[in-house]
């Protein structure tokens, strides 16, 4: 998909929400985007890979010549699904870390 810069808004849709999201993403520094794009833990990365393989199909590429063809709309939906999964997994990871920290604090306060 070769898009001219002016056509990117078509990908996100013409609704106010789509344009606001696109403007926000375009305003981010490249370092911020790189940081947001990488999961903090290998567990999150594995779950995300499993999810994407589930969405696209899991034929082993060493035995098959795989080509995926889709429409703009379906690619946009796939991107939105991947983003939502990423946000969910990041929130779950933060919650797990928070609960572990609380359990450690509770355990150390009981020992005192």
Protein backbone atom coordinates (compact mmCIF):
# COMPACT_ATOMS: atom_id res chain seq x y z
CA UNK A 1 0.00 0.00 0.00
CA UNK A 2 1.63 3.17 -1.16
CA UNK A 3 -0.02 6.19 0.37
CA UNK A 4 0.85 9.78 -0.26
CA UNK A 5 1.07 11.77 3.00
CA UNK A 6 -2.16 13.59 2.21
CA UNK A 7 -4.03 10.30 1.78
CA UNK A 8 -3.28 8.95 5.25
CA UNK A 9 -6.47 10.47 6.63
CA UNK A 10 -8.47 8.18 4.32
CA UNK A 11 -6.96 5.18 6.10
CA UNK A 12 -8.04 6.44 9.53
CA UNK A 13 -11.46 7.49 8.30
CA UNK A 14 -13.02 10.91 8.03
CA UNK A 15 -14.70 10.90 11.43
CA UNK A 16 -13.54 13.38 14.03
CA UNK A 17 -12.17 10.57 16.20
CA UNK A 18 -10.08 9.15 13.36
CA UNK A 19 -8.59 12.54 12.50
CA UNK A 20 -7.86 13.32 16.14
CA UNK A 21 -6.05 10.01 16.56
CA UNK A 22 -4.04 10.56 13.41
CA UNK A 23 -3.07 14.08 14.49
CA UNK A 24 -2.04 12.79 17.91
CA UNK A 25 0.11 9.99 16.48
CA UNK A 26 1.72 12.39 14.00
CA UNK A 27 2.55 14.80 16.84
CA UNK A 28 4.51 12.17 18.79
CA UNK A 29 8.29 12.16 18.69
CA UNK A 30 9.88 9.13 16.97
CA UNK A 31 11.47 8.09 20.28
CA UNK A 32 8.05 8.08 21.96
CA UNK A 33 6.55 5.96 19.19
CA UNK A 34 9.46 3.52 19.44
CA UNK A 35 8.99 3.29 23.22
CA UNK A 36 5.23 2.75 22.92
CA UNK A 37 5.74 0.11 20.24
CA UNK A 38 7.89 -2.19 22.36
CA UNK A 39 6.39 -4.26 25.16
CA UNK A 40 8.24 -4.18 28.48
CA UNK A 41 8.26 -7.93 28.98
CA UNK A 42 8.83 -11.01 26.88
CA UNK A 43 5.51 -12.43 28.13
CA UNK A 44 3.55 -9.57 26.55
CA UNK A 45 5.51 -9.96 23.32
CA UNK A 46 4.69 -13.68 23.21
CA UNK A 47 0.98 -13.06 23.81
CA UNK A 48 0.92 -10.38 21.10
CA UNK A 49 2.68 -12.68 18.62
CA UNK A 50 0.23 -15.47 19.44
CA UNK A 51 -2.70 -13.09 18.92
CA UNK A 52 -1.41 -11.87 15.54
CA UNK A 53 -0.72 -15.43 14.37
CA UNK A 54 -4.27 -16.28 15.42
CA UNK A 55 -5.65 -13.38 13.39
CA UNK A 56 -3.58 -14.04 10.27
CA UNK A 57 -3.30 -17.81 10.39
CA UNK A 58 -0.51 -20.03 11.56
CA UNK A 59 0.89 -21.86 8.55
CA UNK A 60 4.64 -22.32 8.96
CA UNK A 61 6.37 -20.05 6.43
CA UNK A 62 9.24 -22.50 5.83
CA UNK A 63 6.77 -24.95 4.19
CA UNK A 64 4.38 -22.51 2.53
CA UNK A 65 4.71 -19.43 0.36
CA UNK A 66 2.20 -17.21 2.15
CA UNK A 67 0.73 -14.04 0.68
CA UNK A 68 -1.97 -12.11 2.51
CA UNK A 69 -4.25 -9.82 0.53
CA UNK A 70 -6.76 -7.52 2.19
CA UNK A 71 -8.69 -4.32 1.69
CA UNK A 72 -7.93 -1.01 3.31
CA UNK A 73 -10.95 -1.36 5.57
CA UNK A 74 -9.99 -4.82 6.79
CA UNK A 75 -6.38 -3.76 7.32
CA UNK A 76 -7.63 -0.82 9.39
CA UNK A 77 -9.73 -3.20 11.47
CA UNK A 78 -6.75 -5.49 11.97
CA UNK A 79 -4.65 -2.52 13.09
CA UNK A 80 -7.37 -1.39 15.50
CA UNK A 81 -7.66 -4.92 16.89
CA UNK A 82 -3.90 -5.16 17.39
CA UNK A 83 -3.83 -1.76 19.10
CA UNK A 84 -6.68 -2.68 21.45
CA UNK A 85 -4.99 -5.98 22.29
CA UNK A 86 -1.77 -4.11 23.01
CA UNK A 87 -3.52 -1.63 25.28
CA UNK A 88 -5.30 -4.45 27.11
CA UNK A 89 -2.10 -6.44 27.58
CA UNK A 90 -0.19 -3.38 28.77
CA UNK A 91 -2.92 -2.60 31.31
CA UNK A 92 -2.96 -6.20 32.50
CA UNK A 93 0.83 -6.18 32.82
CA UNK A 94 0.74 -2.93 34.84
CA UNK A 95 -1.99 -4.34 37.09
CA UNK A 96 -0.03 -7.55 37.67
CA UNK A 97 3.10 -5.56 38.56
CA UNK A 98 1.08 -3.34 40.90
CA UNK A 99 -0.52 -6.34 42.64
CA UNK A 100 2.88 -8.01 43.02
CA UNK A 101 4.30 -4.82 44.55
CA UNK A 102 1.36 -4.64 46.97
CA UNK A 103 1.82 -8.28 47.93
CA UNK A 104 5.51 -7.61 48.65
CA UNK A 105 4.63 -4.58 50.79
CA UNK A 106 1.98 -6.60 52.67
CA UNK A 107 4.44 -9.45 53.17
CA UNK A 108 7.22 -7.17 54.44
CA UNK A 109 4.86 -5.28 56.79
CA UNK A 110 3.67 -8.58 58.31
CA UNK A 111 7.28 -9.61 58.90
CA UNK A 112 7.98 -6.40 60.90
